[in-house]
Amino acid sequence: MAALLGSVLSAVAIGYLLATSYLVLRDDLIGASIARQARVQQAYEDRISALRAQVDRITSRQLLDQRLMETRVSELLQRQSQLSRRHGRLTPILERAEGDLVPADKPADAKPDRRADAGSSATDEPKLAGAATPPDFSFWNTRSAGAGLLSEADRADMLFATINKSLRTIEDEQIDRVATLAEDADRTADQISAALEQAGLASESAAGKTGLGGPLIALDNKTMFDTRVNELDEALSRLETLKKTALLAPIHNPAPGYAISSSFGVRRDPLLGTPAMHAGMDFRVPYGEDVKASGAGTVIASGWNGGYGRMVEVDHGDGMTTRYAHMSKILVKVGDKVERGTVVGRAGSSGRSTGPHLHYEVRRNGTAIDPLRFIKAGRKIANLL
């Protein structure tokens, strides 16, 4: 009983001590637990804040990248639209240039390649229409070496840079090609103008281009393109005007391929043997061969005319007329419109003549002038018309 009583007392003493210790240390234990929970919660909150900030940064970067992408895509679309407008503007003017220009690297007697001049061939058309060599997108492949070191934004930047470079190359090629065509048109027009002036025919001169000056003001790409296109348009208009003048003028050979038997000027008369004025030039054309108009105009005389025999006279405007005499047959009548190379009759020996030939005259305001200088001028520019 004593042992049992001792055990009970010991248990009570221990329980009392434990309860007292708990009551004494409870506040400390609760405070430590609360502090530990607070630290854990703060750590979680800090982690959540960091993750949220990271998400915000990523979202902001994505928004910036998206806006940048949209801006660049918009720029590319504008460039593409500009190229399309340029193509629409170039098409009609290139159609005008087709067949009008002789490439500078071809000989004068070579037949011009109209397809090459107008850019209508498969190889030249892209340069004129605004399509250059496609950009190289091989670096876009993520499997390529070092691709893992670049972000999507970096690869997009490289892609846009390559496309911009390609578009800039296209624009430069367009400007250079238009400038080249304008130079070719001016060169051809200058040759025609010089030949017409040498023959004594009125034409606009390139002298108006001298005596120019002023401060240099640089142009941007768009203004440069518009300026070059306007220059080409003006050059083609000038060339077309000169061509019309040249086609109307009597500067072509009425009997191509046949030798000259008597030139313009004083000669011994074939019938009397005395010195006499020869108002034209004679071509050794066999009987019945074609006689062709040396320029475009209107027939103002057709029939027998004294010593001329069967004669046709064509009015070319600006006081210029031509006469084709001694023909065996006349194929046009008064009022007919003729073009350069139109057959007006057949060679013969009618009128005051010693044999079959063509007597050809050029007159200005009724005064006979040497046809040879006109024929020489026509020979110089025959391949330009």
Protein backbone atom coordinates (compact mmCIF):
# COMPACT_ATOMS: atom_id res chain seq x y z
CA MET A 1 0.00 0.00 0.00
CA ALA A 2 2.86 2.29 0.81
CA ALA A 3 4.41 1.58 -2.60
CA LEU A 4 1.11 2.18 -4.35
CA LEU A 5 0.60 5.37 -2.47
CA GLY A 6 4.13 6.49 -3.40
CA SER A 7 3.48 5.76 -7.05
CA VAL A 8 0.26 7.76 -7.04
CA LEU A 9 1.95 10.67 -5.38
CA SER A 10 4.81 10.52 -7.87
CA ALA A 11 2.37 10.49 -10.81
CA VAL A 12 0.47 13.43 -9.38
CA ALA A 13 3.71 15.33 -8.80
CA ILE A 14 4.88 14.65 -12.36
CA GLY A 15 1.50 15.67 -13.80
CA TYR A 16 1.55 18.82 -11.71
CA LEU A 17 5.03 19.65 -12.94
CA LEU A 18 4.07 19.01 -16.54
CA ALA A 19 0.92 21.10 -16.27
CA THR A 20 2.86 23.86 -14.61
CA SER A 21 5.58 23.70 -17.35
CA TYR A 22 2.94 23.79 -20.08
CA LEU A 23 1.22 26.76 -18.49
CA VAL A 24 4.54 28.52 -18.12
CA LEU A 25 5.90 27.70 -21.62
CA ARG A 26 2.61 27.76 -23.55
CA ASP A 27 2.94 31.36 -24.63
CA ASP A 28 6.49 30.78 -25.87
CA LEU A 29 5.49 27.68 -27.80
CA ILE A 30 2.50 29.40 -29.32
CA GLY A 31 4.62 32.44 -30.23
CA ALA A 32 7.30 30.24 -31.83
CA SER A 33 4.68 28.37 -33.80
CA ILE A 34 3.05 31.58 -34.91
CA ALA A 35 6.43 33.04 -35.88
CA ARG A 36 7.33 29.93 -37.84
CA GLN A 37 4.00 30.02 -39.66
CA ALA A 38 4.49 33.74 -40.33
CA ARG A 39 7.93 33.05 -41.81
CA VAL A 40 6.56 30.30 -44.03
CA GLN A 41 3.68 32.51 -45.14
CA GLN A 42 6.07 35.40 -45.86
CA ALA A 43 8.29 33.09 -47.88
CA TYR A 44 5.29 31.92 -49.87
CA GLU A 45 4.14 35.49 -50.40
CA ASP A 46 7.63 36.54 -51.52
CA ARG A 47 7.75 33.63 -53.93
CA ILE A 48 4.30 34.46 -55.26
CA SER A 49 5.31 38.12 -55.69
CA ALA A 50 8.47 37.08 -57.53
CA LEU A 51 6.53 34.75 -59.79
CA ARG A 52 3.92 37.43 -60.39
CA ALA A 53 6.62 39.97 -61.27
CA GLN A 54 8.20 37.44 -63.60
CA VAL A 55 4.85 36.78 -65.23
CA ASP A 56 4.31 40.53 -65.58
CA ARG A 57 7.72 40.94 -67.20
CA ILE A 58 7.06 38.08 -69.57
CA THR A 59 3.61 39.45 -70.37
CA SER A 60 5.01 42.93 -70.92
CA ARG A 61 7.77 41.57 -73.16
CA GLN A 62 5.24 39.58 -75.11
CA LEU A 63 3.05 42.66 -75.49
CA LEU A 64 6.03 44.71 -76.60
CA ASP A 65 7.11 41.98 -79.00
CA GLN A 66 3.57 41.72 -80.28
CA ARG A 67 3.30 45.46 -80.81
CA LEU A 68 6.72 45.54 -82.44
CA MET A 69 5.71 42.63 -84.64
CA GLU A 70 2.46 44.36 -85.59
CA THR A 71 4.34 47.57 -86.36
CA ARG A 72 6.85 45.79 -88.56
CA VAL A 73 4.17 43.77 -90.31
CA SER A 74 2.32 47.02 -90.96
CA GLU A 75 5.51 48.53 -92.39
CA LEU A 76 6.01 45.51 -94.63
CA LEU A 77 2.42 45.72 -95.83
CA GLN A 78 2.89 49.40 -96.60
CA ARG A 79 6.09 48.62 -98.52
CA GLN A 80 4.33 45.88 -100.42
CA SER A 81 1.43 48.22 -101.19
CA GLN A 82 3.90 50.84 -102.38
CA LEU A 83 5.61 48.32 -104.64
CA SER A 84 2.22 47.28 -106.02
CA ARG A 85 1.36 50.92 -106.77
CA ARG A 86 4.74 51.35 -108.41
CA HIS A 87 4.13 48.29 -110.53
CA GLY A 88 0.77 49.70 -111.60
CA ARG A 89 2.42 52.96 -112.53
CA LEU A 90 5.32 51.29 -114.31
CA THR A 91 3.21 48.96 -116.45
CA PRO A 92 1.72 51.57 -118.84
CA ILE A 93 4.95 53.52 -119.15
CA LEU A 94 6.90 50.33 -119.89
CA GLU A 95 4.35 49.47 -122.54
CA ARG A 96 5.11 52.86 -124.08
CA ALA A 97 8.82 52.11 -123.94
CA GLU A 98 8.36 48.73 -125.62
CA GLY A 99 9.86 48.83 -129.08
CA ASP A 100 10.88 52.50 -128.84
CA LEU A 101 14.38 52.03 -127.44
CA VAL A 102 17.51 50.49 -128.87
CA PRO A 103 19.74 48.98 -126.16
CA ALA A 104 23.00 50.87 -125.84
CA ASP A 105 25.09 47.70 -125.98
CA LYS A 106 23.70 46.63 -129.38
CA PRO A 107 25.10 47.68 -132.74
CA ALA A 108 23.14 50.25 -134.72
CA ASP A 109 22.19 47.79 -137.44
CA ALA A 110 21.00 45.13 -135.01
CA LYS A 111 17.31 44.54 -134.60
CA PRO A 112 16.33 45.77 -131.15
CA ASP A 113 15.05 43.20 -128.70
CA ARG A 114 11.77 44.78 -127.71
CA ARG A 115 11.08 42.18 -125.06
CA ALA A 116 14.34 42.98 -123.33
CA ASP A 117 13.79 46.75 -123.59
CA ALA A 118 10.31 46.66 -122.14
CA GLY A 119 11.12 44.11 -119.47
CA SER A 120 8.49 41.67 -120.76
CA SER A 121 10.74 38.63 -120.72
CA ALA A 122 10.67 36.11 -117.90
CA THR A 123 14.07 37.20 -116.60
CA ASP A 124 13.68 40.98 -116.87
CA GLU A 125 10.08 41.46 -115.86
CA PRO A 126 10.59 40.79 -112.14
CA LYS A 127 13.20 43.53 -111.96
CA LEU A 128 10.80 46.01 -113.50
CA ALA A 129 7.67 44.88 -111.77
CA GLY A 130 9.26 44.96 -108.33
CA ALA A 131 10.05 41.31 -107.64
CA ALA A 132 13.70 40.68 -106.82
CA THR A 133 15.47 37.57 -105.64
CA PRO A 134 13.49 36.09 -102.71
CA PRO A 135 15.16 36.59 -99.31
CA ASP A 136 16.97 33.69 -97.69
CA PHE A 137 14.95 32.38 -94.73
CA SER A 138 17.20 29.40 -94.03
CA PHE A 139 18.28 30.85 -90.67
CA TRP A 140 14.65 30.59 -89.52
CA ASN A 141 15.06 26.83 -89.17
CA THR A 142 15.28 26.13 -85.43
CA ARG A 143 17.35 23.03 -86.12
CA SER A 144 20.20 25.05 -87.57
CA ALA A 145 23.37 25.53 -85.59
CA GLY A 146 23.06 28.06 -82.83
CA ALA A 147 19.30 28.39 -83.26
CA GLY A 148 18.79 27.53 -79.62
CA LEU A 149 20.74 30.63 -78.62
CA LEU A 150 18.23 32.93 -80.30
CA SER A 151 14.80 33.77 -79.02
CA GLU A 152 11.73 33.90 -81.21
CA ALA A 153 11.87 37.70 -81.10
CA ASP A 154 15.51 37.68 -82.22
CA ARG A 155 14.74 35.36 -85.11
CA ALA A 156 11.77 37.56 -86.02
CA ASP A 157 14.07 40.60 -86.00
CA MET A 158 16.46 38.82 -88.35
CA LEU A 159 13.58 37.82 -90.60
CA PHE A 160 12.24 41.37 -90.81
CA ALA A 161 15.74 42.72 -91.45
CA THR A 162 16.19 40.29 -94.35
CA ILE A 163 12.78 41.13 -95.84
CA ASN A 164 13.46 44.86 -95.52
CA LYS A 165 16.79 44.44 -97.24
CA SER A 166 15.14 42.50 -100.06
CA LEU A 167 12.42 45.14 -100.48
CA ARG A 168 15.01 47.90 -100.47
CA THR A 169 16.93 46.04 -103.17
CA ILE A 170 13.74 45.79 -105.23
CA GLU A 171 13.10 49.51 -104.88
CA ASP A 172 16.69 50.36 -105.86
CA GLU A 173 16.47 48.07 -108.88
CA GLN A 174 13.24 49.75 -109.96
CA ILE A 175 14.78 53.21 -109.70
CA ASP A 176 17.96 52.16 -111.52
CA ARG A 177 16.01 50.45 -114.30
CA VAL A 178 13.70 53.43 -114.81
CA ALA A 179 16.72 55.76 -114.88
CA THR A 180 18.42 53.52 -117.45
CA LEU A 181 15.31 53.53 -119.66
CA ALA A 182 15.12 57.32 -119.41
CA GLU A 183 18.78 57.61 -120.44
CA ASP A 184 18.18 55.25 -123.38
CA ALA A 185 15.15 57.29 -124.47
CA ASP A 186 17.12 60.53 -124.26
CA ARG A 187 20.02 58.98 -126.17
CA THR A 188 17.74 57.74 -128.95
CA ALA A 189 15.90 61.07 -129.10
CA ASP A 190 19.21 62.95 -129.30
CA GLN A 191 20.34 60.79 -132.22
CA ILE A 192 17.09 61.35 -134.10
CA SER A 193 17.14 65.08 -133.32
CA ALA A 194 20.76 65.44 -134.48
CA ALA A 195 20.03 63.59 -137.74
CA LEU A 196 16.96 65.73 -138.48
CA GLU A 197 18.84 68.93 -137.75
CA GLN A 198 21.71 67.79 -139.94
CA ALA A 199 19.22 67.33 -142.77
CA GLY A 200 17.91 70.85 -142.15
CA LEU A 201 14.60 69.74 -140.71
CA ALA A 202 13.07 71.58 -137.76
CA SER A 203 13.19 69.57 -134.53
CA GLU A 204 13.59 70.20 -130.87
CA SER A 205 17.20 70.27 -129.78
CA ALA A 206 19.04 68.89 -126.81
CA ALA A 207 20.66 72.31 -126.42
CA GLY A 208 17.94 73.26 -123.98
CA LYS A 209 19.51 70.91 -121.46
CA THR A 210 22.60 73.12 -121.12
CA GLY A 211 22.96 76.08 -118.80
CA LEU A 212 21.29 74.40 -115.84
CA GLY A 213 22.17 74.65 -112.16
CA GLY A 214 20.99 75.06 -108.58
CA PRO A 215 21.68 73.71 -105.09
CA LEU A 216 21.75 69.96 -104.54
CA ILE A 217 18.76 68.76 -102.49
CA ALA A 218 18.80 65.06 -101.69
CA LEU A 219 15.64 63.06 -102.37
CA ASP A 220 14.16 60.24 -100.39
CA ASN A 221 13.43 56.89 -102.00
CA LYS A 222 9.78 57.61 -102.83
CA THR A 223 10.53 61.06 -104.27
CA MET A 224 13.44 59.61 -106.23
CA PHE A 225 11.18 56.98 -107.79
CA ASP A 226 8.53 59.54 -108.75
CA THR A 227 11.20 61.82 -110.20
CA ARG A 228 12.73 59.02 -112.26
CA VAL A 229 9.32 57.95 -113.58
CA ASN A 230 8.53 61.54 -114.57
CA GLU A 231 11.89 61.79 -116.32
CA LEU A 232 11.16 58.59 -118.21
CA ASP A 233 7.69 59.84 -119.15
CA GLU A 234 9.12 63.11 -120.48
CA ALA A 235 11.90 61.32 -122.35
CA LEU A 236 9.41 58.94 -124.00
CA SER A 237 7.13 61.84 -124.95
CA ARG A 238 10.08 63.63 -126.54
CA LEU A 239 11.13 60.46 -128.34
CA GLU A 240 7.61 59.82 -129.65
CA THR A 241 7.36 63.39 -130.97
CA LEU A 242 10.69 63.08 -132.76
CA LYS A 243 9.72 59.72 -134.22
CA LYS A 244 6.50 61.16 -135.61
CA THR A 245 8.51 64.00 -137.15
CA ALA A 246 11.02 61.55 -138.61
CA LEU A 247 8.30 59.31 -140.05
CA LEU A 248 6.63 62.27 -141.73
CA ALA A 249 9.87 63.73 -143.06
CA PRO A 250 11.13 62.58 -146.49
CA ILE A 251 14.36 61.11 -145.15
CA HIS A 252 14.08 57.56 -146.46
CA ASN A 253 15.32 56.03 -149.68
CA PRO A 254 12.55 55.79 -152.33
CA ALA A 255 14.48 53.05 -154.14
CA PRO A 256 16.41 51.08 -151.51
CA GLY A 257 19.08 48.81 -152.86
CA TYR A 258 19.56 50.65 -156.16
CA ALA A 259 22.56 52.77 -157.13
CA ILE A 260 22.46 56.51 -157.80
CA SER A 261 23.07 57.27 -161.49
CA SER A 262 22.94 61.07 -161.29
CA SER A 263 23.19 63.37 -158.28
CA PHE A 264 21.72 66.76 -157.45
CA GLY A 265 23.24 69.90 -158.95
CA VAL A 266 24.75 71.06 -162.22
CA ARG A 267 25.41 68.31 -164.75
CA ARG A 268 25.63 67.74 -168.47
CA ASP A 269 22.13 67.39 -169.89
CA PRO A 270 21.69 63.78 -171.12
CA LEU A 271 19.80 64.87 -174.26
CA LEU A 272 21.46 68.14 -175.29
CA GLY A 273 24.90 67.65 -173.73
CA THR A 274 24.97 71.18 -172.33
CA PRO A 275 25.37 72.14 -168.64
CA ALA A 276 22.03 72.15 -166.85
CA MET A 277 20.66 72.11 -163.35
CA HIS A 278 19.48 68.71 -162.09
CA ALA A 279 16.80 69.41 -159.46
CA GLY A 280 16.85 65.91 -157.99
CA MET A 281 18.72 62.64 -158.11
CA ASP A 282 18.31 59.62 -160.35
CA PHE A 283 18.27 56.01 -159.19
CA ARG A 284 19.15 53.17 -161.56
CA VAL A 285 15.87 51.29 -161.04
CA PRO A 286 14.84 48.63 -163.59
CA TYR A 287 11.59 48.99 -165.47
CA GLY A 288 8.52 47.99 -163.44
CA GLU A 289 10.21 47.95 -160.02
CA ASP A 290 8.48 49.50 -156.99
CA VAL A 291 8.86 53.19 -156.20
CA LYS A 292 8.28 53.88 -152.50
CA ALA A 293 7.31 57.04 -150.64
CA SER A 294 10.20 58.44 -148.64
CA GLY A 295 7.91 59.68 -145.86
CA ALA A 296 4.31 59.94 -144.72
CA GLY A 297 2.07 62.54 -146.35
CA THR A 298 -0.76 63.29 -148.77
CA VAL A 299 -0.67 62.92 -152.55
CA ILE A 300 -1.18 66.36 -154.14
CA ALA A 301 -0.33 65.48 -157.77
CA SER A 302 -0.72 62.24 -159.69
CA GLY A 303 -0.48 61.99 -163.48
CA TRP A 304 1.43 63.23 -166.48
CA ASN A 305 3.56 66.35 -165.91
CA GLY A 306 5.52 67.41 -169.02
CA GLY A 307 9.17 66.38 -168.90
CA TYR A 308 8.58 64.51 -165.63
CA GLY A 309 6.36 62.05 -167.49
CA ARG A 310 4.17 60.11 -165.07
CA MET A 311 4.78 61.83 -161.76
CA VAL A 312 3.51 61.65 -158.19
CA GLU A 313 4.01 64.52 -155.73
CA VAL A 314 3.52 64.03 -151.97
CA ASP A 315 3.05 66.80 -149.41
CA HIS A 316 4.79 65.98 -146.09
CA GLY A 317 3.77 69.14 -144.26
CA ASP A 318 5.78 72.17 -143.16
CA GLY A 319 6.34 73.10 -146.81
CA MET A 320 8.13 69.80 -147.63
CA THR A 321 7.17 67.89 -150.79
CA THR A 322 8.70 65.05 -152.79
CA ARG A 323 8.37 64.14 -156.48
CA TYR A 324 8.68 60.71 -158.11
CA ALA A 325 8.99 61.00 -161.90
CA HIS A 326 9.40 59.01 -165.15
CA MET A 327 7.28 56.16 -163.79
CA SER A 328 5.66 53.58 -166.02
CA LYS A 329 2.59 53.24 -163.79
CA ILE A 330 1.03 55.32 -161.02
CA LEU A 331 -0.64 53.47 -158.13
CA VAL A 332 -2.01 56.39 -156.07
CA LYS A 333 -4.37 59.27 -156.71
CA VAL A 334 -4.68 62.83 -155.43
CA GLY A 335 -5.85 62.90 -151.82
CA ASP A 336 -4.47 59.49 -150.89
CA LYS A 337 -2.63 59.20 -147.57
CA VAL A 338 0.70 57.43 -147.86
CA GLU A 339 3.09 56.13 -145.22
CA ARG A 340 6.81 55.67 -145.36
CA GLY A 341 7.48 52.81 -147.77
CA THR A 342 4.07 52.96 -149.50
CA VAL A 343 4.45 51.95 -153.17
CA VAL A 344 3.31 54.95 -155.22
CA GLY A 345 4.12 53.54 -158.67
CA ARG A 346 6.42 51.51 -160.93
CA ALA A 347 9.73 52.69 -162.38
CA GLY A 348 9.82 53.47 -166.07
CA SER A 349 11.11 55.92 -168.67
CA SER A 350 8.17 58.23 -169.37
CA GLY A 351 8.68 61.91 -170.17
CA ARG A 352 12.09 63.41 -170.89
CA SER A 353 14.21 60.33 -170.19
CA THR A 354 16.87 58.23 -171.88
CA GLY A 355 16.02 54.96 -170.10
CA PRO A 356 14.32 53.32 -167.14
CA HIS A 357 15.15 55.05 -163.86
CA LEU A 358 13.55 56.98 -160.99
CA HIS A 359 13.90 60.73 -160.79
CA TYR A 360 13.44 61.81 -157.16
CA GLU A 361 13.15 65.39 -155.86
CA VAL A 362 12.80 66.99 -152.44
CA ARG A 363 11.38 70.52 -152.34
CA ARG A 364 10.87 73.00 -149.52
CA ASN A 365 8.33 75.73 -150.26
CA GLY A 366 8.75 74.92 -153.95
CA THR A 367 12.57 75.17 -153.98
CA ALA A 368 14.49 72.01 -154.88
CA ILE A 369 17.11 70.89 -152.33
CA ASP A 370 19.60 68.04 -152.37
CA PRO A 371 17.79 64.79 -151.41
CA LEU A 372 21.06 63.06 -150.50
CA ARG A 373 21.42 64.76 -147.13
CA PHE A 374 17.90 63.64 -146.22
CA ILE A 375 18.65 60.07 -147.27
CA LYS A 376 21.87 60.10 -145.23
CA ALA A 377 19.95 61.30 -142.18
CA GLY A 378 17.34 58.58 -142.69
CA ARG A 379 20.04 55.95 -142.98
CA LYS A 380 21.52 57.01 -139.63
CA ILE A 381 18.29 56.67 -137.70
CA ALA A 382 16.50 53.95 -139.69
CA ASN A 383 17.04 51.40 -136.90
CA LEU A 384 15.73 53.84 -134.27
CA LEU A 385 12.25 54.27 -135.75
